[in-house]
């Protein structure tokens, strides 16, 4: 079983906030691969079985805990399916250190101040799991907590739209062809910005997580 987990905060108050970029990506994957399916509650999350070609069994997961308890969901799902965190888990998460419209896929790494990733690391006992970061940018004026809990502007949403499609493409590639292929394909940038083919990007730290 492959687990694709989008991080976010549950509830209407957090819909379309920058912190819920992971939820937005998983919702888009669900439209592609779980059309008409009914989400079920398990692992303190809402889950959907996804039919991603070439991937075998795949479960889309949106934790219904708050961000800083994301590890509860991931740990339960990994233990239930006896998954390998290294091979079978992909976490999709917001990232303030990347501009809006960027994405970055890594095999492992520290939490970088991101409470959701830190809790997952605690629950799994390792930081060796794939994470796909979606750039949400930084604010010159607002504190990081206020920025990530704020909603995307109209301009940011326009930029984010094609990025969410690329995130879904990257998640599909990870599930069907493996992490190395996905990183080689999607960890690229052009002179005009991150996330477009033409050159190599650099690693990033994670956004601070709030509940």
N, C-alpha and C. Protein backbone atom coordinates (compact mmCIF):
# COMPACT_ATOMS: atom_id res chain seq x y z
N UNK A 1 0.84 -1.20 0.00
CA UNK A 1 0.00 0.00 0.00
C UNK A 1 0.88 1.25 0.00
N UNK A 2 0.63 2.16 -0.93
CA UNK A 2 1.28 3.47 -0.93
C UNK A 2 0.37 4.46 -0.20
N UNK A 3 0.97 5.28 0.65
CA UNK A 3 0.22 6.29 1.40
C UNK A 3 0.62 7.67 0.92
N UNK A 4 -0.34 8.45 0.43
CA UNK A 4 -0.10 9.84 0.04
C UNK A 4 -0.89 10.71 1.01
N UNK A 5 -0.15 11.45 1.84
CA UNK A 5 -0.76 12.19 2.94
C UNK A 5 -0.60 13.69 2.68
N UNK A 6 -1.71 14.40 2.58
CA UNK A 6 -1.68 15.86 2.47
C UNK A 6 -1.90 16.47 3.85
N UNK A 7 -1.00 17.34 4.27
CA UNK A 7 -1.13 17.96 5.59
C UNK A 7 -1.96 19.24 5.51
N UNK A 8 -2.70 19.49 6.57
CA UNK A 8 -3.53 20.68 6.66
C UNK A 8 -4.25 20.70 7.98
N UNK A 9 -5.05 21.72 8.17
CA UNK A 9 -5.91 21.83 9.36
C UNK A 9 -7.35 21.61 8.95
N UNK A 10 -8.11 20.85 9.73
CA UNK A 10 -9.50 20.57 9.36
C UNK A 10 -10.41 21.75 9.67
N UNK A 11 -11.55 21.78 8.98
CA UNK A 11 -12.57 22.78 9.28
C UNK A 11 -12.62 23.91 8.29
N UNK A 12 -13.80 24.52 8.22
CA UNK A 12 -14.06 25.58 7.24
C UNK A 12 -13.17 26.80 7.46
N UNK A 13 -12.82 27.08 8.69
CA UNK A 13 -12.00 28.26 8.97
C UNK A 13 -10.63 28.20 8.31
N UNK A 14 -10.16 26.98 8.01
CA UNK A 14 -8.82 26.83 7.44
C UNK A 14 -8.83 26.54 5.95
N UNK A 15 -10.01 26.45 5.35
CA UNK A 15 -10.09 26.14 3.93
C UNK A 15 -9.38 27.21 3.11
N UNK A 16 -8.59 26.75 2.13
CA UNK A 16 -7.88 27.63 1.19
C UNK A 16 -6.80 28.47 1.86
N UNK A 17 -6.41 28.12 3.07
CA UNK A 17 -5.27 28.81 3.67
C UNK A 17 -3.98 28.21 3.13
N UNK A 18 -2.90 28.98 3.25
CA UNK A 18 -1.61 28.50 2.74
C UNK A 18 -1.19 27.21 3.43
N UNK A 19 -1.54 27.09 4.71
CA UNK A 19 -1.16 25.91 5.48
C UNK A 19 -1.86 24.65 4.99
N UNK A 20 -2.91 24.82 4.20
CA UNK A 20 -3.68 23.68 3.72
C UNK A 20 -3.34 23.32 2.28
N UNK A 21 -2.18 23.72 1.81
CA UNK A 21 -1.78 23.39 0.44
C UNK A 21 -1.73 21.87 0.24
N UNK A 22 -1.33 21.13 1.27
CA UNK A 22 -1.31 19.68 1.16
C UNK A 22 -2.70 19.10 0.97
N UNK A 23 -3.67 19.63 1.71
CA UNK A 23 -5.06 19.21 1.51
C UNK A 23 -5.51 19.49 0.09
N UNK A 24 -5.19 20.67 -0.42
CA UNK A 24 -5.62 21.06 -1.76
C UNK A 24 -5.06 20.10 -2.81
N UNK A 25 -3.80 19.69 -2.64
CA UNK A 25 -3.19 18.76 -3.59
C UNK A 25 -3.86 17.39 -3.54
N UNK A 26 -4.13 16.89 -2.34
CA UNK A 26 -4.76 15.58 -2.22
C UNK A 26 -6.19 15.62 -2.76
N UNK A 27 -6.89 16.73 -2.56
CA UNK A 27 -8.22 16.87 -3.14
C UNK A 27 -8.16 16.76 -4.66
N UNK A 28 -7.14 17.36 -5.26
CA UNK A 28 -7.00 17.30 -6.71
C UNK A 28 -6.66 15.87 -7.17
N UNK A 29 -5.80 15.20 -6.41
CA UNK A 29 -5.52 13.80 -6.72
C UNK A 29 -6.79 12.95 -6.63
N UNK A 30 -7.63 13.24 -5.66
CA UNK A 30 -8.87 12.49 -5.51
C UNK A 30 -9.78 12.68 -6.72
N UNK A 31 -9.82 13.89 -7.27
CA UNK A 31 -10.63 14.13 -8.47
C UNK A 31 -10.11 13.32 -9.65
N UNK A 32 -8.78 13.17 -9.73
CA UNK A 32 -8.19 12.41 -10.82
C UNK A 32 -8.40 10.91 -10.68
N UNK A 33 -8.29 10.41 -9.45
CA UNK A 33 -8.15 8.96 -9.29
C UNK A 33 -9.15 8.31 -8.35
N UNK A 34 -10.04 9.08 -7.77
CA UNK A 34 -11.02 8.50 -6.86
C UNK A 34 -12.40 9.11 -7.10
N UNK A 35 -12.68 9.41 -8.35
CA UNK A 35 -13.94 10.05 -8.70
C UNK A 35 -15.14 9.20 -8.28
N UNK A 36 -16.07 9.80 -7.56
CA UNK A 36 -17.28 9.10 -7.14
C UNK A 36 -17.12 8.29 -5.87
N UNK A 37 -15.88 8.10 -5.42
CA UNK A 37 -15.67 7.32 -4.18
C UNK A 37 -16.09 8.15 -2.97
N UNK A 38 -16.50 7.46 -1.93
CA UNK A 38 -16.91 8.12 -0.69
C UNK A 38 -15.78 8.00 0.33
N UNK A 39 -15.35 9.13 0.85
CA UNK A 39 -14.28 9.12 1.85
C UNK A 39 -14.76 8.43 3.12
N UNK A 40 -13.84 7.75 3.77
CA UNK A 40 -14.17 7.08 5.03
C UNK A 40 -13.25 7.60 6.13
N UNK A 41 -13.74 7.56 7.35
CA UNK A 41 -12.95 8.00 8.48
C UNK A 41 -12.17 6.85 9.07
N UNK A 42 -10.84 7.00 9.09
CA UNK A 42 -9.97 6.02 9.75
C UNK A 42 -8.63 6.69 10.02
N UNK A 43 -7.91 6.17 10.98
CA UNK A 43 -6.60 6.70 11.35
C UNK A 43 -6.66 8.18 11.75
N UNK A 44 -7.77 8.62 12.34
CA UNK A 44 -7.96 10.04 12.65
C UNK A 44 -7.78 10.88 11.38
N UNK A 45 -8.40 10.43 10.29
CA UNK A 45 -8.26 11.09 9.00
C UNK A 45 -9.43 10.71 8.11
N UNK A 46 -9.55 11.44 7.00
CA UNK A 46 -10.45 11.03 5.92
C UNK A 46 -9.59 10.40 4.84
N UNK A 47 -9.99 9.24 4.36
CA UNK A 47 -9.18 8.49 3.41
C UNK A 47 -10.00 8.08 2.19
N UNK A 48 -9.29 7.91 1.08
CA UNK A 48 -9.89 7.45 -0.17
C UNK A 48 -8.92 6.49 -0.84
N UNK A 49 -9.46 5.39 -1.37
CA UNK A 49 -8.66 4.51 -2.20
C UNK A 49 -8.52 5.15 -3.58
N UNK A 50 -7.29 5.20 -4.08
CA UNK A 50 -7.01 5.83 -5.36
C UNK A 50 -6.48 4.80 -6.35
N UNK A 51 -6.94 4.90 -7.59
CA UNK A 51 -6.48 4.01 -8.64
C UNK A 51 -5.49 4.76 -9.53
N UNK A 52 -4.23 4.84 -9.08
CA UNK A 52 -3.18 5.48 -9.86
C UNK A 52 -2.52 4.42 -10.73
N UNK A 53 -2.58 4.56 -12.05
CA UNK A 53 -2.03 3.53 -12.92
C UNK A 53 -0.58 3.20 -12.59
N UNK A 54 -0.28 1.92 -12.49
CA UNK A 54 1.08 1.47 -12.26
C UNK A 54 1.53 1.48 -10.81
N UNK A 55 0.65 1.89 -9.90
CA UNK A 55 1.08 2.06 -8.51
C UNK A 55 0.64 0.94 -7.59
N UNK A 56 -0.21 0.05 -8.04
CA UNK A 56 -0.80 -0.89 -7.10
C UNK A 56 -1.81 -0.18 -6.23
N UNK A 57 -1.91 -0.58 -4.98
CA UNK A 57 -2.87 0.04 -4.07
C UNK A 57 -2.31 1.35 -3.54
N UNK A 58 -3.17 2.36 -3.48
CA UNK A 58 -2.74 3.67 -3.00
C UNK A 58 -3.87 4.29 -2.18
N UNK A 59 -3.51 4.88 -1.06
CA UNK A 59 -4.50 5.50 -0.17
C UNK A 59 -4.20 6.98 -0.04
N UNK A 60 -5.20 7.81 -0.33
CA UNK A 60 -5.09 9.25 -0.12
C UNK A 60 -5.59 9.58 1.28
N UNK A 61 -4.83 10.42 1.99
CA UNK A 61 -5.12 10.66 3.41
C UNK A 61 -5.09 12.15 3.72
N UNK A 62 -6.13 12.62 4.40
CA UNK A 62 -6.18 13.98 4.94
C UNK A 62 -6.42 13.87 6.45
N UNK A 63 -5.39 14.08 7.27
CA UNK A 63 -5.59 13.97 8.71
C UNK A 63 -6.64 14.96 9.22
N UNK A 64 -7.45 14.51 10.15
CA UNK A 64 -8.43 15.39 10.78
C UNK A 64 -7.94 15.87 12.15
N UNK A 65 -6.71 15.54 12.47
CA UNK A 65 -6.05 16.17 13.61
C UNK A 65 -5.59 17.55 13.16
N UNK A 66 -5.16 18.37 14.09
CA UNK A 66 -4.49 19.60 13.68
C UNK A 66 -3.05 19.28 13.30
N UNK A 67 -2.40 20.27 12.68
CA UNK A 67 -1.09 20.05 12.09
C UNK A 67 -0.10 19.37 13.02
N UNK A 68 -0.02 19.88 14.23
CA UNK A 68 1.05 19.39 15.11
C UNK A 68 0.77 18.01 15.68
N UNK A 69 -0.32 17.36 15.23
CA UNK A 69 -0.59 15.96 15.59
C UNK A 69 -0.69 15.08 14.36
N UNK A 70 -0.11 15.52 13.26
CA UNK A 70 -0.17 14.76 12.01
C UNK A 70 0.44 13.37 12.14
N UNK A 71 1.41 13.23 13.02
CA UNK A 71 2.06 11.94 13.20
C UNK A 71 1.12 10.85 13.70
N UNK A 72 0.07 11.23 14.42
CA UNK A 72 -0.89 10.25 14.90
C UNK A 72 -1.50 9.49 13.73
N UNK A 73 -1.93 10.23 12.72
CA UNK A 73 -2.52 9.63 11.53
C UNK A 73 -1.51 8.78 10.77
N UNK A 74 -0.36 9.36 10.49
CA UNK A 74 0.63 8.66 9.67
C UNK A 74 1.13 7.41 10.37
N UNK A 75 1.40 7.51 11.67
CA UNK A 75 1.87 6.35 12.41
C UNK A 75 0.86 5.22 12.41
N UNK A 76 -0.42 5.53 12.61
CA UNK A 76 -1.45 4.49 12.62
C UNK A 76 -1.56 3.82 11.26
N UNK A 77 -1.55 4.61 10.18
CA UNK A 77 -1.69 4.04 8.84
C UNK A 77 -0.50 3.16 8.48
N UNK A 78 0.71 3.63 8.81
CA UNK A 78 1.92 2.85 8.52
C UNK A 78 1.90 1.51 9.27
N UNK A 79 1.51 1.54 10.52
CA UNK A 79 1.48 0.30 11.30
C UNK A 79 0.39 -0.64 10.79
N UNK A 80 -0.76 -0.10 10.43
CA UNK A 80 -1.87 -0.93 9.98
C UNK A 80 -1.51 -1.67 8.69
N UNK A 81 -0.92 -0.94 7.74
CA UNK A 81 -0.60 -1.55 6.44
C UNK A 81 0.81 -2.14 6.40
N UNK A 82 1.54 -2.03 7.52
CA UNK A 82 2.92 -2.52 7.57
C UNK A 82 3.75 -1.94 6.43
N UNK A 83 3.62 -0.62 6.25
CA UNK A 83 4.32 0.09 5.18
C UNK A 83 5.75 0.39 5.59
N UNK A 84 6.59 0.58 4.59
CA UNK A 84 7.93 1.11 4.81
C UNK A 84 7.90 2.62 4.66
N UNK A 85 8.25 3.39 5.69
CA UNK A 85 8.28 4.85 5.53
C UNK A 85 9.16 5.28 4.37
N UNK A 86 10.26 4.57 4.15
CA UNK A 86 11.19 4.94 3.09
C UNK A 86 10.56 4.79 1.71
N UNK A 87 9.83 3.72 1.50
CA UNK A 87 9.35 3.37 0.16
C UNK A 87 7.88 3.69 -0.09
N UNK A 88 7.08 3.75 0.96
CA UNK A 88 5.63 3.73 0.77
C UNK A 88 4.89 4.96 1.26
N UNK A 89 5.60 5.96 1.78
CA UNK A 89 4.94 7.14 2.36
C UNK A 89 5.39 8.40 1.65
N UNK A 90 4.43 9.21 1.22
CA UNK A 90 4.70 10.53 0.65
C UNK A 90 3.87 11.55 1.40
N UNK A 91 4.54 12.54 1.97
CA UNK A 91 3.87 13.63 2.69
C UNK A 91 3.89 14.87 1.81
N UNK A 92 2.73 15.48 1.59
CA UNK A 92 2.63 16.72 0.81
C UNK A 92 2.34 17.86 1.78
N UNK A 93 3.17 18.91 1.74
CA UNK A 93 3.17 19.90 2.80
C UNK A 93 3.49 21.28 2.25
N UNK A 94 3.01 22.32 2.93
CA UNK A 94 3.31 23.71 2.56
C UNK A 94 4.73 24.08 2.95
N UNK A 95 5.29 25.07 2.25
CA UNK A 95 6.70 25.45 2.46
C UNK A 95 6.89 26.95 2.25
N UNK A 96 7.20 27.68 3.33
CA UNK A 96 7.39 29.12 3.21
C UNK A 96 8.73 29.48 2.60
N UNK A 97 9.69 28.58 2.63
CA UNK A 97 11.02 28.89 2.09
C UNK A 97 11.07 28.79 0.57
N UNK A 98 9.98 28.38 -0.05
CA UNK A 98 9.87 28.36 -1.51
C UNK A 98 8.82 29.37 -1.95
N UNK A 99 9.03 30.01 -3.09
CA UNK A 99 8.02 30.94 -3.59
C UNK A 99 6.76 30.22 -4.04
N UNK A 100 5.66 30.95 -4.05
CA UNK A 100 4.40 30.38 -4.55
C UNK A 100 4.62 29.91 -5.99
N UNK A 101 4.20 28.71 -6.27
CA UNK A 101 4.38 28.14 -7.60
C UNK A 101 5.52 27.17 -7.69
N UNK A 102 6.31 27.03 -6.62
CA UNK A 102 7.43 26.09 -6.62
C UNK A 102 7.02 24.78 -5.96
N UNK A 103 7.75 23.72 -6.29
CA UNK A 103 7.60 22.46 -5.58
C UNK A 103 8.98 21.85 -5.40
N UNK A 104 9.10 21.01 -4.37
CA UNK A 104 10.38 20.38 -4.08
C UNK A 104 10.14 19.02 -3.46
N UNK A 105 10.76 17.99 -4.04
CA UNK A 105 10.59 16.62 -3.58
C UNK A 105 11.90 16.11 -3.01
N UNK A 106 11.86 15.58 -1.78
CA UNK A 106 13.04 15.06 -1.13
C UNK A 106 12.75 13.70 -0.49
N UNK A 107 13.82 12.88 -0.36
CA UNK A 107 13.68 11.55 0.21
C UNK A 107 13.69 11.56 1.73
N UNK A 108 14.26 12.61 2.33
CA UNK A 108 14.39 12.66 3.78
C UNK A 108 14.78 14.07 4.17
N UNK A 109 15.05 14.28 5.46
CA UNK A 109 15.50 15.59 5.91
C UNK A 109 14.85 15.98 7.21
N UNK A 110 15.39 17.01 7.83
CA UNK A 110 14.83 17.51 9.07
C UNK A 110 13.50 18.20 8.88
N UNK A 111 12.83 18.45 9.99
CA UNK A 111 11.53 19.10 9.94
C UNK A 111 11.65 20.59 9.64
N UNK A 112 12.81 21.19 9.95
CA UNK A 112 13.01 22.60 9.65
C UNK A 112 12.02 23.52 10.34
N UNK A 113 11.58 23.16 11.54
CA UNK A 113 10.63 24.00 12.27
C UNK A 113 9.17 23.73 11.93
N UNK A 114 8.93 22.76 11.07
CA UNK A 114 7.55 22.42 10.67
C UNK A 114 6.99 21.40 11.65
N UNK A 115 6.02 21.82 12.44
CA UNK A 115 5.51 20.95 13.51
C UNK A 115 4.85 19.68 12.98
N UNK A 116 4.22 19.77 11.81
CA UNK A 116 3.61 18.58 11.23
C UNK A 116 4.65 17.54 10.86
N UNK A 117 5.71 17.96 10.19
CA UNK A 117 6.79 17.03 9.85
C UNK A 117 7.49 16.52 11.09
N UNK A 118 7.68 17.39 12.08
CA UNK A 118 8.33 16.96 13.31
C UNK A 118 7.52 15.87 14.01
N UNK A 119 6.19 16.01 14.00
CA UNK A 119 5.36 15.01 14.67
C UNK A 119 5.36 13.70 13.90
N UNK A 120 5.42 13.77 12.59
CA UNK A 120 5.51 12.55 11.79
C UNK A 120 6.83 11.84 12.06
N UNK A 121 7.91 12.61 12.12
CA UNK A 121 9.21 12.01 12.44
C UNK A 121 9.19 11.34 13.80
N UNK A 122 8.54 12.00 14.77
CA UNK A 122 8.43 11.41 16.10
C UNK A 122 7.65 10.10 16.05
N UNK A 123 6.54 10.09 15.33
CA UNK A 123 5.68 8.91 15.28
C UNK A 123 6.34 7.75 14.55
N UNK A 124 7.09 8.05 13.50
CA UNK A 124 7.72 7.00 12.71
C UNK A 124 9.09 6.60 13.26
N UNK A 125 9.68 7.47 14.08
CA UNK A 125 11.02 7.20 14.59
C UNK A 125 12.10 7.38 13.56
N UNK A 126 11.81 8.13 12.49
CA UNK A 126 12.78 8.37 11.43
C UNK A 126 12.36 9.58 10.61
N UNK A 127 13.35 10.22 9.97
CA UNK A 127 13.03 11.27 9.01
C UNK A 127 13.21 10.76 7.59
N UNK A 128 13.35 9.43 7.44
CA UNK A 128 13.53 8.82 6.13
C UNK A 128 12.18 8.50 5.52
N UNK A 129 11.51 9.52 5.04
CA UNK A 129 10.27 9.37 4.29
C UNK A 129 10.20 10.51 3.28
N UNK A 130 9.56 10.28 2.17
CA UNK A 130 9.50 11.28 1.10
C UNK A 130 8.56 12.41 1.49
N UNK A 131 8.98 13.63 1.15
CA UNK A 131 8.11 14.79 1.37
C UNK A 131 8.14 15.68 0.14
N UNK A 132 6.97 16.12 -0.27
CA UNK A 132 6.79 16.97 -1.43
C UNK A 132 6.29 18.32 -0.95
N UNK A 133 7.15 19.33 -1.05
CA UNK A 133 6.86 20.66 -0.50
C UNK A 133 6.28 21.56 -1.58
N UNK A 134 5.24 22.29 -1.21
CA UNK A 134 4.58 23.25 -2.10
C UNK A 134 4.89 24.65 -1.60
N UNK A 135 5.48 25.47 -2.45
CA UNK A 135 5.83 26.82 -2.03
C UNK A 135 4.62 27.68 -1.75
N UNK A 136 4.63 28.33 -0.59
CA UNK A 136 3.57 29.29 -0.25
C UNK A 136 4.15 30.67 0.01
N UNK A 137 5.48 30.82 -0.15
CA UNK A 137 6.11 32.12 0.00
C UNK A 137 6.19 32.60 1.44
N UNK A 138 6.85 33.74 1.59
CA UNK A 138 6.97 34.39 2.88
C UNK A 138 6.33 35.78 2.82
N UNK A 139 6.06 36.36 3.98
CA UNK A 139 5.52 37.71 4.06
C UNK A 139 6.53 38.64 4.71
N UNK A 140 6.69 39.82 4.15
CA UNK A 140 7.58 40.81 4.75
C UNK A 140 6.94 41.48 5.96
N UNK A 141 5.63 41.35 6.07
CA UNK A 141 4.89 42.13 7.06
C UNK A 141 4.26 41.28 8.15
N UNK A 142 3.77 40.09 7.81
CA UNK A 142 3.06 39.26 8.79
C UNK A 142 4.01 38.25 9.43
N UNK A 143 3.72 37.90 10.67
CA UNK A 143 4.44 36.80 11.31
C UNK A 143 4.18 35.51 10.55
N UNK A 144 5.11 34.57 10.65
CA UNK A 144 4.98 33.33 9.87
C UNK A 144 3.67 32.62 10.17
N UNK A 145 3.28 32.57 11.46
CA UNK A 145 2.03 31.90 11.81
C UNK A 145 0.85 32.56 11.11
N UNK A 146 0.80 33.89 11.14
CA UNK A 146 -0.31 34.59 10.51
C UNK A 146 -0.29 34.40 9.00
N UNK A 147 0.92 34.35 8.44
CA UNK A 147 1.03 34.18 6.99
C UNK A 147 0.50 32.83 6.54
N UNK A 148 0.94 31.75 7.19
CA UNK A 148 0.53 30.43 6.73
C UNK A 148 -0.94 30.15 7.04
N UNK A 149 -1.47 30.79 8.07
CA UNK A 149 -2.88 30.59 8.38
C UNK A 149 -3.78 31.56 7.62
N UNK A 150 -3.18 32.44 6.83
CA UNK A 150 -3.95 33.33 5.97
C UNK A 150 -4.27 32.65 4.65
N UNK A 151 -5.27 33.18 3.97
CA UNK A 151 -5.69 32.59 2.70
C UNK A 151 -4.84 33.12 1.55
N UNK A 152 -4.68 32.28 0.54
CA UNK A 152 -4.00 32.70 -0.66
C UNK A 152 -4.72 33.89 -1.30
N UNK A 153 -3.95 34.83 -1.83
CA UNK A 153 -4.55 35.93 -2.59
C UNK A 153 -5.00 35.39 -3.94
N UNK A 154 -5.79 36.18 -4.66
CA UNK A 154 -6.23 35.77 -5.99
C UNK A 154 -5.05 35.54 -6.91
N UNK A 155 -4.05 36.42 -6.85
CA UNK A 155 -2.87 36.26 -7.69
C UNK A 155 -2.11 34.99 -7.33
N UNK A 156 -2.00 34.71 -6.04
CA UNK A 156 -1.31 33.49 -5.61
C UNK A 156 -2.06 32.24 -6.07
N UNK A 157 -3.37 32.27 -5.99
CA UNK A 157 -4.16 31.12 -6.44
C UNK A 157 -3.97 30.88 -7.93
N UNK A 158 -3.88 31.97 -8.69
CA UNK A 158 -3.65 31.82 -10.14
C UNK A 158 -2.30 31.16 -10.41
N UNK A 159 -1.29 31.54 -9.62
CA UNK A 159 0.03 30.92 -9.75
C UNK A 159 0.01 29.48 -9.26
N UNK A 160 -0.75 29.23 -8.20
CA UNK A 160 -0.78 27.91 -7.58
C UNK A 160 -1.47 26.86 -8.44
N UNK A 161 -2.43 27.26 -9.24
CA UNK A 161 -3.23 26.30 -10.01
C UNK A 161 -2.37 25.32 -10.81
N UNK A 162 -1.48 25.78 -11.69
CA UNK A 162 -0.66 24.81 -12.43
C UNK A 162 0.30 24.04 -11.53
N UNK A 163 0.70 24.65 -10.42
CA UNK A 163 1.58 23.95 -9.48
C UNK A 163 0.87 22.74 -8.88
N UNK A 164 -0.39 22.88 -8.53
CA UNK A 164 -1.12 21.75 -7.97
C UNK A 164 -1.21 20.60 -8.97
N UNK A 165 -1.34 20.94 -10.25
CA UNK A 165 -1.33 19.88 -11.27
C UNK A 165 0.04 19.20 -11.32
N UNK A 166 1.13 19.97 -11.21
CA UNK A 166 2.47 19.37 -11.22
C UNK A 166 2.70 18.54 -9.95
N UNK A 167 2.16 18.99 -8.84
CA UNK A 167 2.26 18.21 -7.60
C UNK A 167 1.58 16.86 -7.79
N UNK A 168 0.40 16.87 -8.38
CA UNK A 168 -0.29 15.61 -8.64
C UNK A 168 0.52 14.73 -9.59
N UNK A 169 1.08 15.33 -10.63
CA UNK A 169 1.93 14.56 -11.56
C UNK A 169 3.11 13.94 -10.82
N UNK A 170 3.73 14.73 -9.93
CA UNK A 170 4.88 14.23 -9.17
C UNK A 170 4.48 13.09 -8.24
N UNK A 171 3.34 13.23 -7.58
CA UNK A 171 2.87 12.17 -6.68
C UNK A 171 2.56 10.90 -7.46
N UNK A 172 1.97 11.05 -8.63
CA UNK A 172 1.69 9.89 -9.48
C UNK A 172 2.99 9.21 -9.91
N UNK A 173 3.98 10.00 -10.29
CA UNK A 173 5.27 9.47 -10.70
C UNK A 173 5.93 8.73 -9.54
N UNK A 174 5.89 9.33 -8.34
CA UNK A 174 6.44 8.67 -7.16
C UNK A 174 5.77 7.32 -6.94
N UNK A 175 4.44 7.28 -7.04
CA UNK A 175 3.70 6.04 -6.76
C UNK A 175 3.95 4.97 -7.81
N UNK A 176 4.11 5.37 -9.06
CA UNK A 176 4.19 4.39 -10.14
C UNK A 176 5.62 4.08 -10.59
N UNK A 177 6.54 5.06 -10.49
CA UNK A 177 7.89 4.88 -11.02
C UNK A 177 8.99 5.05 -9.98
N UNK A 178 8.63 5.46 -8.78
CA UNK A 178 9.60 5.56 -7.71
C UNK A 178 10.09 6.97 -7.45
N UNK A 179 10.72 7.14 -6.31
CA UNK A 179 11.14 8.45 -5.85
C UNK A 179 12.25 9.05 -6.71
N UNK A 180 13.23 8.25 -7.08
CA UNK A 180 14.34 8.79 -7.87
C UNK A 180 13.85 9.36 -9.19
N UNK A 181 13.01 8.65 -9.87
CA UNK A 181 12.44 9.14 -11.13
C UNK A 181 11.65 10.42 -10.90
N UNK A 182 10.86 10.45 -9.84
CA UNK A 182 10.05 11.64 -9.56
C UNK A 182 10.93 12.84 -9.25
N UNK A 183 11.99 12.66 -8.45
CA UNK A 183 12.88 13.77 -8.13
C UNK A 183 13.60 14.27 -9.38
N UNK A 184 14.10 13.35 -10.21
CA UNK A 184 14.81 13.75 -11.42
C UNK A 184 13.91 14.50 -12.39
N UNK A 185 12.63 14.18 -12.36
CA UNK A 185 11.69 14.80 -13.30
C UNK A 185 11.16 16.14 -12.80
N UNK A 186 10.90 16.25 -11.51
CA UNK A 186 10.17 17.41 -11.01
C UNK A 186 11.00 18.38 -10.17
N UNK A 187 12.19 18.02 -9.74
CA UNK A 187 13.03 18.96 -9.00
C UNK A 187 13.86 19.79 -9.96
N UNK A 188 13.17 20.65 -10.71
CA UNK A 188 13.82 21.47 -11.72
C UNK A 188 13.26 22.88 -11.65
N UNK A 189 14.01 23.83 -12.20
CA UNK A 189 13.52 25.21 -12.25
C UNK A 189 14.07 25.90 -13.49
N UNK A 190 13.39 26.93 -13.89
CA UNK A 190 13.84 27.76 -14.99
C UNK A 190 14.29 29.10 -14.44
N UNK A 191 14.87 29.93 -15.29
CA UNK A 191 15.35 31.24 -14.85
C UNK A 191 14.20 32.09 -14.32
N UNK A 192 13.00 31.81 -14.78
CA UNK A 192 11.83 32.60 -14.37
C UNK A 192 11.22 32.12 -13.06
N UNK A 193 11.70 31.01 -12.51
CA UNK A 193 11.11 30.55 -11.26
C UNK A 193 11.26 29.07 -11.06
N UNK A 194 10.84 28.60 -9.89
CA UNK A 194 10.96 27.19 -9.54
C UNK A 194 9.86 26.38 -10.20
N UNK A 195 10.12 25.08 -10.30
CA UNK A 195 9.06 24.14 -10.67
C UNK A 195 8.83 24.01 -12.15
N UNK A 196 9.74 24.56 -13.01
CA UNK A 196 9.59 24.42 -14.44
C UNK A 196 10.87 23.81 -15.01
N UNK A 197 10.75 22.96 -16.04
CA UNK A 197 11.93 22.27 -16.55
C UNK A 197 12.98 23.22 -17.09
N UNK A 198 14.23 22.99 -16.72
CA UNK A 198 15.42 23.68 -17.26
C UNK A 198 16.37 24.02 -16.13
N UNK A 199 17.13 23.07 -15.65
CA UNK A 199 18.11 23.34 -14.61
C UNK A 199 17.76 22.70 -13.29
N UNK A 200 18.66 22.80 -12.34
CA UNK A 200 18.47 22.15 -11.05
C UNK A 200 18.22 23.16 -9.95
N UNK A 201 17.33 22.82 -9.01
CA UNK A 201 17.05 23.68 -7.88
C UNK A 201 17.83 23.26 -6.66
N UNK A 202 17.68 24.00 -5.61
CA UNK A 202 18.36 23.70 -4.34
C UNK A 202 17.36 23.27 -3.31
N UNK A 203 17.86 22.66 -2.25
CA UNK A 203 16.99 22.18 -1.19
C UNK A 203 16.44 23.35 -0.39
N UNK A 204 15.46 23.07 0.45
CA UNK A 204 14.83 24.12 1.25
C UNK A 204 14.51 23.59 2.63
N UNK A 205 14.28 24.51 3.56
CA UNK A 205 13.80 24.13 4.88
C UNK A 205 12.29 24.22 4.89
N UNK A 206 11.67 23.66 5.91
CA UNK A 206 10.22 23.58 5.96
C UNK A 206 9.64 24.77 6.71
N UNK A 207 8.36 25.02 6.43
CA UNK A 207 7.66 26.12 7.07
C UNK A 207 7.34 25.78 8.52
N UNK A 208 7.22 26.80 9.34
CA UNK A 208 6.81 26.58 10.74
C UNK A 208 5.38 26.13 10.76
N UNK A 209 5.09 25.12 11.56
CA UNK A 209 3.77 24.52 11.62
C UNK A 209 2.98 25.07 12.80
N UNK A 210 1.71 25.34 12.54
CA UNK A 210 0.84 25.84 13.60
C UNK A 210 -0.41 24.97 13.64
N UNK A 211 -1.07 24.92 14.81
CA UNK A 211 -2.35 24.22 14.85
C UNK A 211 -3.47 25.24 15.00
